[in-house]
Amino acid sequence: MLNDDQIGHHLNQAAEVARRAAAAGHHPFGALLVAPDGKTVLLEQGNVDTVNHAEAVLARDAAARYRPEYLWGCTLVTTVEPCAMCAATQYWAHIGSLVYGMSESRLLEITGSHEENPTLDLPCREVFARGQKAVEVVGPVPAAEAVIAEVHQTFWKSR
C-alpha cells in the first residue's frame, strides 16, 4: 500500500486527470493505476461517459495489459469512491489496493438528484466484502477531499 506522501501526490495527479476530463466535457472523475513500487503511474483515465467511468475503463485496460499476479500488487487511485460497477470491475481485474479521495456519499451531497449523476450510494467496502479476496481500501482522504469537492462543485453548478 502507498505511504501518506505517495497517497497525497497521486490523489493530486488524479484530481488533475479529473480537471482535464471536465475541460473535455466529461464528468470530473480521474483515476490512476500505480505500480507496486508506489511511484510509477502505469495508466491514467478520466471519465468517458455515464457507463464508462474512469475506474472501470482503467481496470479493464489494466486487465488487458498486465498479469493478475502483478495487478494484485498495484493500487487504483481515484478522486471519488468507486461506485458498485467500478469496485466490481477493480475486483475482477485483480487490482489489490484502492485509494480514493472523496466518498460517494459526499459526492451525493454535492450533486443531489442531478439527472446526469444518479449516485448509487453503496460503499465500495461493502462491494469488496462480498468477494473472496481482500482488496485493501484507504479513503476518504480528508487532506484531498476539499480540492476534489471543489472540482465537483464547480462542474455540477455549471450543468
C-alpha atoms as a PDB file:
ATOM      1  CA  MET A   1       0.000   0.000   0.000  1.00  0.00           C
ATOM      2  CA  LEU A   2       1.093   3.559  -0.624  1.00  0.00           C
ATOM      3  CA  ASN A   3       2.504   5.731   2.158  1.00  0.00           C
ATOM      4  CA  ASP A   4       0.887   9.065   3.094  1.00  0.00           C
ATOM      5  CA  ASP A   5       3.166  11.150   0.860  1.00  0.00           C
ATOM      6  CA  GLN A   6       2.502   8.883  -2.130  1.00  0.00           C
ATOM      7  CA  ILE A   7      -1.235   8.981  -1.449  1.00  0.00           C
ATOM      8  CA  GLY A   8      -1.274  12.779  -1.440  1.00  0.00           C
ATOM      9  CA  HIS A   9       0.871  13.014  -4.562  1.00  0.00           C
ATOM     10  CA  HIS A  10      -1.182  10.506  -6.555  1.00  0.00           C
ATOM     11  CA  LEU A  11      -4.524  11.970  -5.453  1.00  0.00           C
ATOM     12  CA  ASN A  12      -3.334  15.355  -6.730  1.00  0.00           C
ATOM     13  CA  GLN A  13      -2.437  13.697 -10.046  1.00  0.00           C
ATOM     14  CA  ALA A  14      -5.856  12.039 -10.203  1.00  0.00           C
ATOM     15  CA  ALA A  15      -7.524  15.399  -9.500  1.00  0.00           C
ATOM     16  CA  GLU A  16      -5.649  16.852 -12.472  1.00  0.00           C
ATOM     17  CA  VAL A  17      -6.931  13.999 -14.662  1.00  0.00           C
ATOM     18  CA  ALA A  18     -10.449  14.830 -13.405  1.00  0.00           C
ATOM     19  CA  ARG A  19      -9.981  18.510 -14.318  1.00  0.00           C
ATOM     20  CA  ARG A  20      -8.881  17.521 -17.830  1.00  0.00           C
ATOM     21  CA  ALA A  21     -11.935  15.256 -18.155  1.00  0.00           C
ATOM     22  CA  ALA A  22     -14.187  18.161 -17.156  1.00  0.00           C
ATOM     23  CA  ALA A  23     -12.431  20.500 -19.597  1.00  0.00           C
ATOM     24  CA  ALA A  24     -13.160  17.949 -22.329  1.00  0.00           C
ATOM     25  CA  GLY A  25     -16.865  17.983 -21.411  1.00  0.00           C
ATOM     26  CA  HIS A  26     -16.892  14.770 -19.357  1.00  0.00           C
ATOM     27  CA  HIS A  27     -17.828  14.315 -15.724  1.00  0.00           C
ATOM     28  CA  PRO A  28     -14.881  15.242 -13.457  1.00  0.00           C
ATOM     29  CA  PHE A  29     -13.545  11.893 -12.307  1.00  0.00           C
ATOM     30  CA  GLY A  30      -9.930  10.792 -12.604  1.00  0.00           C
ATOM     31  CA  ALA A  31      -8.121   7.544 -11.857  1.00  0.00           C
ATOM     32  CA  LEU A  32      -4.552   6.230 -11.896  1.00  0.00           C
ATOM     33  CA  LEU A  33      -3.014   2.779 -11.732  1.00  0.00           C
ATOM     34  CA  VAL A  34       0.103   2.902  -9.570  1.00  0.00           C
ATOM     35  CA  ALA A  35       2.739   0.165  -9.812  1.00  0.00           C
ATOM     36  CA  PRO A  36       3.811  -1.897  -6.805  1.00  0.00           C
ATOM     37  CA  ASP A  37       6.775   0.465  -6.282  1.00  0.00           C
ATOM     38  CA  GLY A  38       4.253   3.140  -5.176  1.00  0.00           C
ATOM     39  CA  LYS A  39       5.775   5.690  -7.548  1.00  0.00           C
ATOM     40  CA  THR A  40       5.271   4.660 -11.154  1.00  0.00           C
ATOM     41  CA  VAL A  41       1.966   5.568 -12.765  1.00  0.00           C
ATOM     42  CA  LEU A  42       1.146   2.828 -15.263  1.00  0.00           C
ATOM     43  CA  LEU A  43      -2.167   4.182 -16.545  1.00  0.00           C
ATOM     44  CA  GLU A  44      -4.392   7.209 -16.101  1.00  0.00           C
ATOM     45  CA  GLN A  45      -8.000   7.610 -17.119  1.00  0.00           C
ATOM     46  CA  GLY A  46     -10.624  10.327 -16.998  1.00  0.00           C
ATOM     47  CA  ASN A  47     -14.335   9.697 -17.087  1.00  0.00           C
ATOM     48  CA  VAL A  48     -15.694   8.846 -20.542  1.00  0.00           C
ATOM     49  CA  ASP A  49     -19.470   8.755 -20.060  1.00  0.00           C
ATOM     50  CA  THR A  50     -22.172   7.504 -17.703  1.00  0.00           C
ATOM     51  CA  VAL A  51     -21.375   3.846 -18.448  1.00  0.00           C
ATOM     52  CA  ASN A  52     -17.609   4.104 -18.954  1.00  0.00           C
ATOM     53  CA  HIS A  53     -16.434   5.511 -15.647  1.00  0.00           C
ATOM     54  CA  ALA A  54     -12.756   6.337 -15.194  1.00  0.00           C
ATOM     55  CA  GLU A  55     -12.123   3.475 -12.749  1.00  0.00           C
ATOM     56  CA  ALA A  56     -13.908   0.795 -14.777  1.00  0.00           C
ATOM     57  CA  VAL A  57     -12.213   1.775 -18.049  1.00  0.00           C
ATOM     58  CA  LEU A  58      -8.839   1.848 -16.293  1.00  0.00           C
ATOM     59  CA  ALA A  59      -9.398  -1.557 -14.634  1.00  0.00           C
ATOM     60  CA  ARG A  60     -10.423  -3.193 -17.919  1.00  0.00           C
ATOM     61  CA  ASP A  61      -7.408  -1.682 -19.676  1.00  0.00           C
ATOM     62  CA  ALA A  62      -5.110  -2.842 -16.870  1.00  0.00           C
ATOM     63  CA  ALA A  63      -6.517  -6.379 -17.016  1.00  0.00           C
ATOM     64  CA  ALA A  64      -5.810  -6.487 -20.755  1.00  0.00           C
ATOM     65  CA  ARG A  65      -2.200  -5.282 -20.305  1.00  0.00           C
ATOM     66  CA  TYR A  66      -0.923  -6.885 -17.103  1.00  0.00           C
ATOM     67  CA  ARG A  67      -0.953 -10.288 -15.430  1.00  0.00           C
ATOM     68  CA  PRO A  68      -3.287 -10.723 -12.448  1.00  0.00           C
ATOM     69  CA  GLU A  69      -0.370 -11.510 -10.131  1.00  0.00           C
ATOM     70  CA  TYR A  70       1.225  -8.169 -10.975  1.00  0.00           C
ATOM     71  CA  LEU A  71      -2.032  -6.218 -10.662  1.00  0.00           C
ATOM     72  CA  TRP A  72      -2.616  -7.605  -7.177  1.00  0.00           C
ATOM     73  CA  GLY A  73       0.380  -5.511  -6.071  1.00  0.00           C
ATOM     74  CA  CYS A  74      -0.894  -2.362  -7.806  1.00  0.00           C
ATOM     75  CA  THR A  75      -3.083   0.425  -6.436  1.00  0.00           C
ATOM     76  CA  LEU A  76      -6.008   2.114  -8.151  1.00  0.00           C
ATOM     77  CA  VAL A  77      -6.015   5.768  -7.045  1.00  0.00           C
ATOM     78  CA  THR A  78      -9.174   7.710  -7.775  1.00  0.00           C
ATOM     79  CA  THR A  79     -10.706  11.042  -6.920  1.00  0.00           C
ATOM     80  CA  VAL A  80     -14.072   9.696  -5.737  1.00  0.00           C
ATOM     81  CA  GLU A  81     -15.003   6.400  -4.109  1.00  0.00           C
ATOM     82  CA  PRO A  82     -15.766   3.886  -6.863  1.00  0.00           C
ATOM     83  CA  CYS A  83     -19.411   3.048  -7.482  1.00  0.00           C
ATOM     84  CA  ALA A  84     -20.550  -0.568  -7.312  1.00  0.00           C
ATOM     85  CA  MET A  85     -19.800  -1.097 -11.034  1.00  0.00           C
ATOM     86  CA  CYS A  86     -16.274   0.295 -10.734  1.00  0.00           C
ATOM     87  CA  ALA A  87     -15.480  -1.535  -7.495  1.00  0.00           C
ATOM     88  CA  ALA A  88     -16.623  -4.809  -9.044  1.00  0.00           C
ATOM     89  CA  THR A  89     -14.556  -4.150 -12.174  1.00  0.00           C
ATOM     90  CA  GLN A  90     -11.498  -3.490  -9.995  1.00  0.00           C
ATOM     91  CA  TYR A  91     -12.194  -6.727  -8.118  1.00  0.00           C
ATOM     92  CA  TRP A  92     -12.438  -8.781 -11.311  1.00  0.00           C
ATOM     93  CA  ALA A  93      -9.327  -7.098 -12.759  1.00  0.00           C
ATOM     94  CA  HIS A  94      -7.460  -8.295  -9.639  1.00  0.00           C
ATOM     95  CA  ILE A  95      -6.148  -4.865  -8.587  1.00  0.00           C
ATOM     96  CA  GLY A  96      -5.290  -5.404  -4.936  1.00  0.00           C
ATOM     97  CA  SER A  97      -5.477  -1.918  -3.433  1.00  0.00           C
ATOM     98  CA  LEU A  98      -7.626   1.183  -3.706  1.00  0.00           C
ATOM     99  CA  VAL A  99      -7.131   4.774  -2.573  1.00  0.00           C
ATOM    100  CA  TYR A 100      -9.896   7.350  -3.019  1.00  0.00           C
ATOM    101  CA  GLY A 101     -10.096  10.977  -2.015  1.00  0.00           C
ATOM    102  CA  MET A 102     -13.795  11.736  -1.545  1.00  0.00           C
ATOM    103  CA  SER A 103     -16.637   9.422  -0.525  1.00  0.00           C
ATOM    104  CA  GLU A 104     -19.566   8.569  -2.746  1.00  0.00           C
ATOM    105  CA  SER A 105     -21.889   9.932  -0.051  1.00  0.00           C
ATOM    106  CA  ARG A 106     -20.083  13.319  -0.203  1.00  0.00           C
ATOM    107  CA  LEU A 107     -20.488  13.286  -3.981  1.00  0.00           C
ATOM    108  CA  LEU A 108     -24.214  12.716  -3.470  1.00  0.00           C
ATOM    109  CA  GLU A 109     -24.326  15.784  -1.190  1.00  0.00           C
ATOM    110  CA  ILE A 110     -22.755  17.845  -3.985  1.00  0.00           C
ATOM    111  CA  THR A 111     -24.759  16.521  -6.944  1.00  0.00           C
ATOM    112  CA  GLY A 112     -28.080  15.905  -5.211  1.00  0.00           C
ATOM    113  CA  SER A 113     -30.579  14.385  -7.598  1.00  0.00           C
ATOM    114  CA  HIS A 114     -28.785  15.602 -10.729  1.00  0.00           C
ATOM    115  CA  GLU A 115     -30.117  13.593 -13.683  1.00  0.00           C
ATOM    116  CA  GLU A 116     -26.610  13.151 -15.122  1.00  0.00           C
ATOM    117  CA  ASN A 117     -25.302  11.560 -11.940  1.00  0.00           C
ATOM    118  CA  PRO A 118     -27.891   9.411 -10.184  1.00  0.00           C
ATOM    119  CA  THR A 119     -25.388   8.449  -7.483  1.00  0.00           C
ATOM    120  CA  LEU A 120     -25.543   4.857  -6.298  1.00  0.00           C
ATOM    121  CA  ASP A 121     -24.680   5.369  -2.643  1.00  0.00           C
ATOM    122  CA  LEU A 122     -23.240   1.910  -1.958  1.00  0.00           C
ATOM    123  CA  PRO A 123     -19.842   1.995  -0.241  1.00  0.00           C
ATOM    124  CA  CYS A 124     -17.111   0.169  -2.155  1.00  0.00           C
ATOM    125  CA  ARG A 125     -16.075  -1.630   1.027  1.00  0.00           C
ATOM    126  CA  GLU A 126     -19.487  -3.339   1.026  1.00  0.00           C
ATOM    127  CA  VAL A 127     -18.954  -4.498  -2.564  1.00  0.00           C
ATOM    128  CA  PHE A 128     -15.463  -5.822  -1.786  1.00  0.00           C
ATOM    129  CA  ALA A 129     -16.691  -7.523   1.408  1.00  0.00           C
ATOM    130  CA  ARG A 130     -18.918  -9.780  -0.712  1.00  0.00           C
ATOM    131  CA  GLY A 131     -15.926 -11.118  -2.643  1.00  0.00           C
ATOM    132  CA  GLN A 132     -13.445 -13.845  -1.901  1.00  0.00           C
ATOM    133  CA  LYS A 133     -10.310 -11.676  -1.982  1.00  0.00           C
ATOM    134  CA  ALA A 134      -9.372  -8.894   0.394  1.00  0.00           C
ATOM    135  CA  VAL A 135      -8.948  -5.646  -1.536  1.00  0.00           C
ATOM    136  CA  GLU A 136      -7.185  -3.115   0.690  1.00  0.00           C
ATOM    137  CA  VAL A 137      -9.006   0.254   0.812  1.00  0.00           C
ATOM    138  CA  VAL A 138      -7.873   3.683   2.006  1.00  0.00           C
ATOM    139  CA  GLY A 139     -10.351   6.535   1.818  1.00  0.00           C
ATOM    140  CA  PRO A 140     -11.758   9.005   2.060  1.00  0.00           C
ATOM    141  CA  VAL A 141      -8.603  11.081   2.490  1.00  0.00           C
ATOM    142  CA  PRO A 142      -9.551  14.324   4.277  1.00  0.00           C
ATOM    143  CA  ALA A 143      -6.447  16.193   3.067  1.00  0.00           C
ATOM    144  CA  ALA A 144      -7.547  15.682  -0.562  1.00  0.00           C
ATOM    145  CA  GLU A 145     -11.305  15.979  -0.172  1.00  0.00           C
ATOM    146  CA  ALA A 146     -11.560  19.778  -0.323  1.00  0.00           C
ATOM    147  CA  VAL A 147      -9.721  20.007  -3.649  1.00  0.00           C
ATOM    148  CA  ILE A 148     -11.771  17.183  -5.187  1.00  0.00           C
ATOM    149  CA  ALA A 149     -15.047  18.578  -3.816  1.00  0.00           C
ATOM    150  CA  GLU A 150     -14.254  21.984  -5.336  1.00  0.00           C
ATOM    151  CA  VAL A 151     -13.759  20.436  -8.780  1.00  0.00           C
ATOM    152  CA  HIS A 152     -17.174  18.761  -8.493  1.00  0.00           C
ATOM    153  CA  GLN A 153     -18.962  21.787  -7.056  1.00  0.00           C
ATOM    154  CA  THR A 154     -17.721  23.947  -9.911  1.00  0.00           C
ATOM    155  CA  PHE A 155     -18.603  21.349 -12.551  1.00  0.00           C
ATOM    156  CA  TRP A 156     -22.093  20.416 -11.306  1.00  0.00           C
ATOM    157  CA  LYS A 157     -23.140  24.059 -10.777  1.00  0.00           C
ATOM    158  CA  SER A 158     -22.445  24.665 -14.468  1.00  0.00           C
ATOM    159  CA  ARG A 159     -24.677  21.785 -15.641  1.00  0.00           C
END
